[in-house]
N, C-alpha and C. Protein backbone atom coordinates (compact mmCIF):
# COMPACT_ATOMS: atom_id res chain seq x y z
N MET A 1 -6.62 -25.79 20.49
CA MET A 1 -5.58 -25.15 19.70
C MET A 1 -6.19 -24.28 18.62
N SER A 2 -5.52 -23.19 18.39
CA SER A 2 -5.98 -22.28 17.35
C SER A 2 -5.51 -22.78 15.99
N ASN A 3 -6.36 -22.62 15.01
CA ASN A 3 -6.05 -23.10 13.67
C ASN A 3 -5.74 -21.94 12.72
N THR A 4 -5.40 -20.78 13.31
CA THR A 4 -5.13 -19.62 12.47
C THR A 4 -3.75 -19.72 11.85
N HIS A 5 -3.63 -19.17 10.66
CA HIS A 5 -2.37 -19.19 9.93
C HIS A 5 -1.67 -17.85 10.15
N HIS A 6 -0.49 -17.90 10.75
CA HIS A 6 0.29 -16.69 10.97
C HIS A 6 1.36 -16.60 9.90
N LYS A 7 1.46 -15.44 9.28
CA LYS A 7 2.49 -15.23 8.28
C LYS A 7 3.84 -15.13 8.99
N LYS A 8 4.84 -15.69 8.38
CA LYS A 8 6.20 -15.57 8.89
C LYS A 8 7.01 -14.81 7.86
N LEU A 9 7.91 -14.01 8.35
CA LEU A 9 8.74 -13.20 7.47
C LEU A 9 9.92 -14.03 7.01
N TYR A 10 9.92 -14.37 5.72
CA TYR A 10 11.00 -15.15 5.12
C TYR A 10 11.62 -14.36 3.98
N ARG A 11 12.88 -14.65 3.70
CA ARG A 11 13.48 -14.20 2.46
C ARG A 11 13.04 -15.19 1.38
N LEU A 12 12.75 -14.69 0.20
CA LEU A 12 12.32 -15.55 -0.90
C LEU A 12 13.33 -15.42 -2.04
N PRO A 13 14.48 -16.10 -1.93
CA PRO A 13 15.54 -15.94 -2.94
C PRO A 13 15.11 -16.32 -4.34
N GLU A 14 14.22 -17.29 -4.48
CA GLU A 14 13.81 -17.71 -5.82
C GLU A 14 12.96 -16.66 -6.51
N GLN A 15 12.35 -15.75 -5.74
CA GLN A 15 11.56 -14.67 -6.33
C GLN A 15 12.31 -13.35 -6.30
N GLY A 16 13.46 -13.35 -5.66
CA GLY A 16 14.21 -12.11 -5.47
C GLY A 16 15.19 -11.84 -6.58
N VAL A 17 15.66 -10.61 -6.62
CA VAL A 17 16.66 -10.20 -7.59
C VAL A 17 18.05 -10.38 -6.98
N VAL A 18 18.23 -9.97 -5.72
CA VAL A 18 19.53 -10.10 -5.07
C VAL A 18 19.49 -11.26 -4.07
N LYS A 19 18.82 -11.05 -2.93
CA LYS A 19 18.75 -12.08 -1.90
C LYS A 19 17.32 -12.45 -1.52
N GLY A 20 16.33 -11.78 -2.10
CA GLY A 20 14.93 -12.11 -1.83
C GLY A 20 14.32 -11.36 -0.67
N VAL A 21 15.01 -10.33 -0.18
CA VAL A 21 14.50 -9.56 0.95
C VAL A 21 13.23 -8.80 0.55
N CYS A 22 13.27 -8.11 -0.57
CA CYS A 22 12.10 -7.34 -1.02
C CYS A 22 10.92 -8.25 -1.30
N ALA A 23 11.17 -9.40 -1.91
CA ALA A 23 10.09 -10.34 -2.19
C ALA A 23 9.48 -10.86 -0.90
N GLY A 24 10.32 -11.13 0.10
CA GLY A 24 9.81 -11.59 1.39
C GLY A 24 8.99 -10.52 2.09
N LEU A 25 9.47 -9.29 2.06
CA LEU A 25 8.72 -8.19 2.67
C LEU A 25 7.38 -7.97 1.97
N ALA A 26 7.40 -8.04 0.65
CA ALA A 26 6.16 -7.85 -0.12
C ALA A 26 5.14 -8.93 0.22
N HIS A 27 5.60 -10.16 0.31
CA HIS A 27 4.68 -11.26 0.66
C HIS A 27 4.13 -11.05 2.07
N TYR A 28 4.98 -10.69 3.00
CA TYR A 28 4.57 -10.52 4.39
C TYR A 28 3.52 -9.42 4.53
N PHE A 29 3.74 -8.29 3.85
CA PHE A 29 2.82 -7.17 3.96
C PHE A 29 1.67 -7.21 2.95
N GLY A 30 1.70 -8.17 2.04
CA GLY A 30 0.59 -8.33 1.10
C GLY A 30 0.53 -7.25 0.04
N VAL A 31 1.69 -6.79 -0.40
CA VAL A 31 1.76 -5.77 -1.45
C VAL A 31 2.55 -6.32 -2.62
N PRO A 32 2.43 -5.71 -3.78
CA PRO A 32 3.22 -6.17 -4.94
C PRO A 32 4.72 -5.99 -4.70
N VAL A 33 5.50 -6.93 -5.16
CA VAL A 33 6.96 -6.88 -5.00
C VAL A 33 7.51 -5.62 -5.67
N ALA A 34 6.94 -5.24 -6.80
CA ALA A 34 7.41 -4.05 -7.51
C ALA A 34 7.32 -2.81 -6.64
N LEU A 35 6.31 -2.72 -5.78
CA LEU A 35 6.16 -1.56 -4.90
C LEU A 35 7.33 -1.49 -3.91
N ILE A 36 7.65 -2.60 -3.28
CA ILE A 36 8.75 -2.63 -2.31
C ILE A 36 10.08 -2.31 -3.01
N ARG A 37 10.29 -2.91 -4.18
CA ARG A 37 11.54 -2.65 -4.91
C ARG A 37 11.64 -1.19 -5.33
N THR A 38 10.54 -0.62 -5.78
CA THR A 38 10.53 0.79 -6.19
C THR A 38 10.84 1.69 -5.00
N MET A 39 10.24 1.39 -3.85
CA MET A 39 10.51 2.19 -2.65
C MET A 39 11.99 2.08 -2.26
N ALA A 40 12.55 0.88 -2.35
CA ALA A 40 13.96 0.69 -1.99
C ALA A 40 14.87 1.46 -2.94
N ILE A 41 14.59 1.40 -4.22
CA ILE A 41 15.43 2.08 -5.20
C ILE A 41 15.31 3.60 -5.06
N LEU A 42 14.08 4.08 -4.86
CA LEU A 42 13.90 5.52 -4.68
C LEU A 42 14.61 6.02 -3.43
N SER A 43 14.60 5.21 -2.37
CA SER A 43 15.29 5.64 -1.15
C SER A 43 16.79 5.76 -1.37
N LEU A 44 17.33 4.96 -2.28
CA LEU A 44 18.75 5.07 -2.60
C LEU A 44 19.09 6.42 -3.21
N PHE A 45 18.18 6.95 -4.02
CA PHE A 45 18.43 8.20 -4.73
C PHE A 45 18.04 9.45 -3.94
N PHE A 46 17.25 9.27 -2.89
CA PHE A 46 16.78 10.44 -2.13
C PHE A 46 17.46 10.56 -0.77
N GLY A 47 18.75 10.31 -0.73
CA GLY A 47 19.52 10.59 0.46
C GLY A 47 19.53 9.51 1.52
N LEU A 48 18.96 8.36 1.25
CA LEU A 48 18.92 7.30 2.25
C LEU A 48 19.77 6.11 1.82
N PHE A 49 20.79 6.35 1.04
CA PHE A 49 21.60 5.27 0.47
C PHE A 49 22.18 4.39 1.57
N GLY A 50 22.86 5.01 2.54
CA GLY A 50 23.52 4.24 3.60
C GLY A 50 22.53 3.44 4.43
N ILE A 51 21.44 4.08 4.81
CA ILE A 51 20.44 3.40 5.64
C ILE A 51 19.80 2.25 4.87
N THR A 52 19.50 2.47 3.62
CA THR A 52 18.86 1.43 2.81
C THR A 52 19.78 0.23 2.63
N VAL A 53 21.02 0.49 2.29
CA VAL A 53 21.97 -0.61 2.08
C VAL A 53 22.21 -1.36 3.39
N LEU A 54 22.39 -0.62 4.49
CA LEU A 54 22.62 -1.25 5.78
C LEU A 54 21.40 -2.09 6.20
N THR A 55 20.22 -1.55 6.03
CA THR A 55 19.00 -2.28 6.37
C THR A 55 18.87 -3.54 5.53
N TYR A 56 19.17 -3.45 4.25
CA TYR A 56 19.08 -4.62 3.37
C TYR A 56 20.06 -5.70 3.82
N ILE A 57 21.28 -5.30 4.15
CA ILE A 57 22.28 -6.27 4.60
C ILE A 57 21.86 -6.92 5.91
N ILE A 58 21.37 -6.12 6.84
CA ILE A 58 20.92 -6.66 8.13
C ILE A 58 19.77 -7.64 7.91
N LEU A 59 18.79 -7.25 7.09
CA LEU A 59 17.65 -8.13 6.83
C LEU A 59 18.07 -9.41 6.13
N THR A 60 19.10 -9.34 5.32
CA THR A 60 19.60 -10.54 4.64
C THR A 60 20.04 -11.57 5.67
N PHE A 61 20.67 -11.12 6.74
CA PHE A 61 21.16 -12.05 7.76
C PHE A 61 20.10 -12.39 8.81
N VAL A 62 19.19 -11.47 9.08
CA VAL A 62 18.19 -11.68 10.12
C VAL A 62 17.03 -12.55 9.62
N MET A 63 16.58 -12.32 8.41
CA MET A 63 15.43 -13.06 7.88
C MET A 63 15.85 -14.47 7.49
N ASP A 64 15.05 -15.45 7.91
CA ASP A 64 15.31 -16.83 7.52
C ASP A 64 14.93 -17.02 6.06
N THR A 65 15.64 -17.93 5.39
CA THR A 65 15.28 -18.30 4.03
C THR A 65 14.02 -19.15 4.10
N ALA A 66 13.14 -18.99 3.15
CA ALA A 66 11.90 -19.76 3.14
C ALA A 66 12.23 -21.25 3.06
N PRO A 67 11.50 -22.09 3.82
CA PRO A 67 11.77 -23.52 3.77
C PRO A 67 11.45 -24.11 2.40
N VAL A 68 12.03 -25.25 2.12
CA VAL A 68 11.80 -25.94 0.86
C VAL A 68 10.31 -26.25 0.74
N GLY A 69 9.73 -25.95 -0.40
CA GLY A 69 8.31 -26.20 -0.63
C GLY A 69 7.40 -25.07 -0.18
N TYR A 70 7.97 -24.02 0.36
CA TYR A 70 7.17 -22.88 0.80
C TYR A 70 6.61 -22.17 -0.41
N GLN A 71 5.33 -21.96 -0.42
CA GLN A 71 4.67 -21.30 -1.55
C GLN A 71 4.15 -19.95 -1.10
N ALA A 72 4.74 -18.92 -1.60
CA ALA A 72 4.25 -17.57 -1.34
C ALA A 72 3.23 -17.23 -2.41
N GLU A 73 2.11 -16.65 -1.97
CA GLU A 73 1.11 -16.25 -2.96
C GLU A 73 1.67 -15.10 -3.78
N GLU A 74 1.44 -15.17 -5.06
CA GLU A 74 1.86 -14.09 -5.95
C GLU A 74 0.83 -12.98 -5.87
N HIS A 75 1.30 -11.78 -5.72
CA HIS A 75 0.42 -10.62 -5.71
C HIS A 75 0.53 -9.93 -7.05
N GLU A 76 -0.49 -10.07 -7.83
CA GLU A 76 -0.47 -9.46 -9.16
C GLU A 76 -0.72 -7.97 -9.03
N ALA A 77 0.17 -7.21 -9.59
CA ALA A 77 0.01 -5.76 -9.55
C ALA A 77 -1.15 -5.36 -10.45
N PRO A 78 -1.98 -4.43 -9.97
CA PRO A 78 -3.10 -4.00 -10.81
C PRO A 78 -2.59 -3.28 -12.05
N SER A 79 -3.33 -3.42 -13.12
CA SER A 79 -2.93 -2.79 -14.37
C SER A 79 -3.10 -1.27 -14.24
N PRO A 80 -2.33 -0.52 -15.01
CA PRO A 80 -2.48 0.94 -14.95
C PRO A 80 -3.90 1.38 -15.28
N ARG A 81 -4.54 0.67 -16.19
CA ARG A 81 -5.93 1.02 -16.54
C ARG A 81 -6.85 0.85 -15.34
N LYS A 82 -6.66 -0.24 -14.60
CA LYS A 82 -7.49 -0.49 -13.42
C LYS A 82 -7.26 0.57 -12.35
N ILE A 83 -6.01 0.97 -12.17
CA ILE A 83 -5.68 2.01 -11.20
C ILE A 83 -6.33 3.33 -11.61
N LEU A 84 -6.23 3.68 -12.89
CA LEU A 84 -6.84 4.92 -13.37
C LEU A 84 -8.36 4.89 -13.24
N ASP A 85 -8.96 3.74 -13.51
CA ASP A 85 -10.41 3.62 -13.36
C ASP A 85 -10.82 3.83 -11.90
N GLU A 86 -10.05 3.27 -10.97
CA GLU A 86 -10.35 3.44 -9.54
C GLU A 86 -10.18 4.89 -9.11
N VAL A 87 -9.13 5.54 -9.58
CA VAL A 87 -8.91 6.95 -9.26
C VAL A 87 -10.04 7.80 -9.84
N ASP A 88 -10.43 7.51 -11.07
CA ASP A 88 -11.52 8.24 -11.72
C ASP A 88 -12.82 8.07 -10.92
N TYR A 89 -13.09 6.86 -10.47
CA TYR A 89 -14.29 6.60 -9.67
C TYR A 89 -14.25 7.40 -8.37
N GLN A 90 -13.11 7.39 -7.69
CA GLN A 90 -12.98 8.12 -6.43
C GLN A 90 -13.17 9.62 -6.65
N LEU A 91 -12.58 10.15 -7.71
CA LEU A 91 -12.73 11.57 -7.99
C LEU A 91 -14.17 11.94 -8.33
N ARG A 92 -14.82 11.10 -9.12
CA ARG A 92 -16.22 11.38 -9.47
C ARG A 92 -17.13 11.32 -8.25
N SER A 93 -16.91 10.34 -7.38
CA SER A 93 -17.77 10.24 -6.20
C SER A 93 -17.50 11.41 -5.25
N GLY A 94 -16.24 11.82 -5.13
CA GLY A 94 -15.92 12.99 -4.31
C GLY A 94 -16.54 14.26 -4.87
N GLU A 95 -16.50 14.38 -6.19
CA GLU A 95 -17.10 15.55 -6.84
C GLU A 95 -18.62 15.57 -6.62
N GLU A 96 -19.24 14.41 -6.68
CA GLU A 96 -20.69 14.34 -6.45
C GLU A 96 -21.04 14.72 -5.03
N ARG A 97 -20.27 14.26 -4.06
CA ARG A 97 -20.51 14.64 -2.66
C ARG A 97 -20.33 16.13 -2.47
N LEU A 98 -19.31 16.69 -3.11
CA LEU A 98 -19.07 18.12 -3.03
C LEU A 98 -20.23 18.92 -3.62
N ARG A 99 -20.76 18.46 -4.75
CA ARG A 99 -21.91 19.13 -5.36
C ARG A 99 -23.14 19.07 -4.45
N GLN A 100 -23.35 17.93 -3.79
CA GLN A 100 -24.48 17.81 -2.87
C GLN A 100 -24.34 18.77 -1.70
N MET A 101 -23.11 18.88 -1.17
CA MET A 101 -22.90 19.83 -0.07
C MET A 101 -23.11 21.25 -0.53
N GLU A 102 -22.64 21.56 -1.73
CA GLU A 102 -22.80 22.91 -2.27
C GLU A 102 -24.29 23.24 -2.45
N ARG A 103 -25.04 22.26 -2.98
CA ARG A 103 -26.48 22.49 -3.15
C ARG A 103 -27.16 22.73 -1.81
N TYR A 104 -26.75 21.99 -0.77
CA TYR A 104 -27.36 22.15 0.55
C TYR A 104 -27.00 23.50 1.15
N ILE A 105 -25.74 23.88 1.06
CA ILE A 105 -25.29 25.13 1.68
C ILE A 105 -25.92 26.34 0.99
N THR A 106 -26.14 26.26 -0.30
CA THR A 106 -26.75 27.39 -1.02
C THR A 106 -28.28 27.32 -1.01
N SER A 107 -28.84 26.31 -0.38
CA SER A 107 -30.30 26.18 -0.36
C SER A 107 -30.91 27.07 0.72
N ASP A 108 -32.20 27.31 0.59
CA ASP A 108 -32.93 28.12 1.57
C ASP A 108 -33.01 27.42 2.92
N SER A 109 -33.14 26.10 2.91
CA SER A 109 -33.27 25.37 4.18
C SER A 109 -32.01 25.51 5.04
N TYR A 110 -30.85 25.59 4.43
CA TYR A 110 -29.61 25.78 5.19
C TYR A 110 -29.63 27.13 5.87
N GLY A 111 -30.05 28.16 5.14
CA GLY A 111 -30.11 29.50 5.71
C GLY A 111 -31.08 29.57 6.88
N VAL A 112 -32.23 28.92 6.75
CA VAL A 112 -33.23 28.93 7.82
C VAL A 112 -32.68 28.19 9.04
N ARG A 113 -32.11 27.01 8.84
CA ARG A 113 -31.56 26.24 9.96
C ARG A 113 -30.42 26.99 10.63
N SER A 114 -29.61 27.67 9.86
CA SER A 114 -28.49 28.43 10.41
C SER A 114 -28.99 29.55 11.30
N ARG A 115 -30.06 30.21 10.88
CA ARG A 115 -30.61 31.32 11.70
C ARG A 115 -31.26 30.81 12.96
N PHE A 116 -31.87 29.61 12.90
CA PHE A 116 -32.46 29.03 14.09
C PHE A 116 -31.37 28.67 15.10
N ARG A 117 -30.24 28.19 14.63
CA ARG A 117 -29.13 27.83 15.53
C ARG A 117 -28.56 29.08 16.20
N GLN A 118 -28.62 30.21 15.52
CA GLN A 118 -28.08 31.44 16.09
C GLN A 118 -28.99 32.00 17.19
N LEU A 119 -30.24 31.60 17.21
CA LEU A 119 -31.18 32.10 18.22
C LEU A 119 -30.93 31.44 19.51
């Protein structure tokens, strides 16, 4: 027998605001609950009101309520500072790679190799 743990999609009413659908989806996909709620609310304002409400109602009835004693891991949302630090790191590393490519393309060795390829 396999001993792997499979996630099951449950509604988490104790963590939810309305019926726990967003909390259940967030736990299942391993993302912060705030992200799922923000996406749901934004979809209401950007022309998807009917689809969003209908989907929420359907999921309310389709998703089982989490069993008693079920413990969903809390996903702590990263702080804005941590997010900005990660973005800054990605931008700096991308800029460094771009500078290295620029140095190579403007170097004499690139010109020589390019002419050899043309022969």
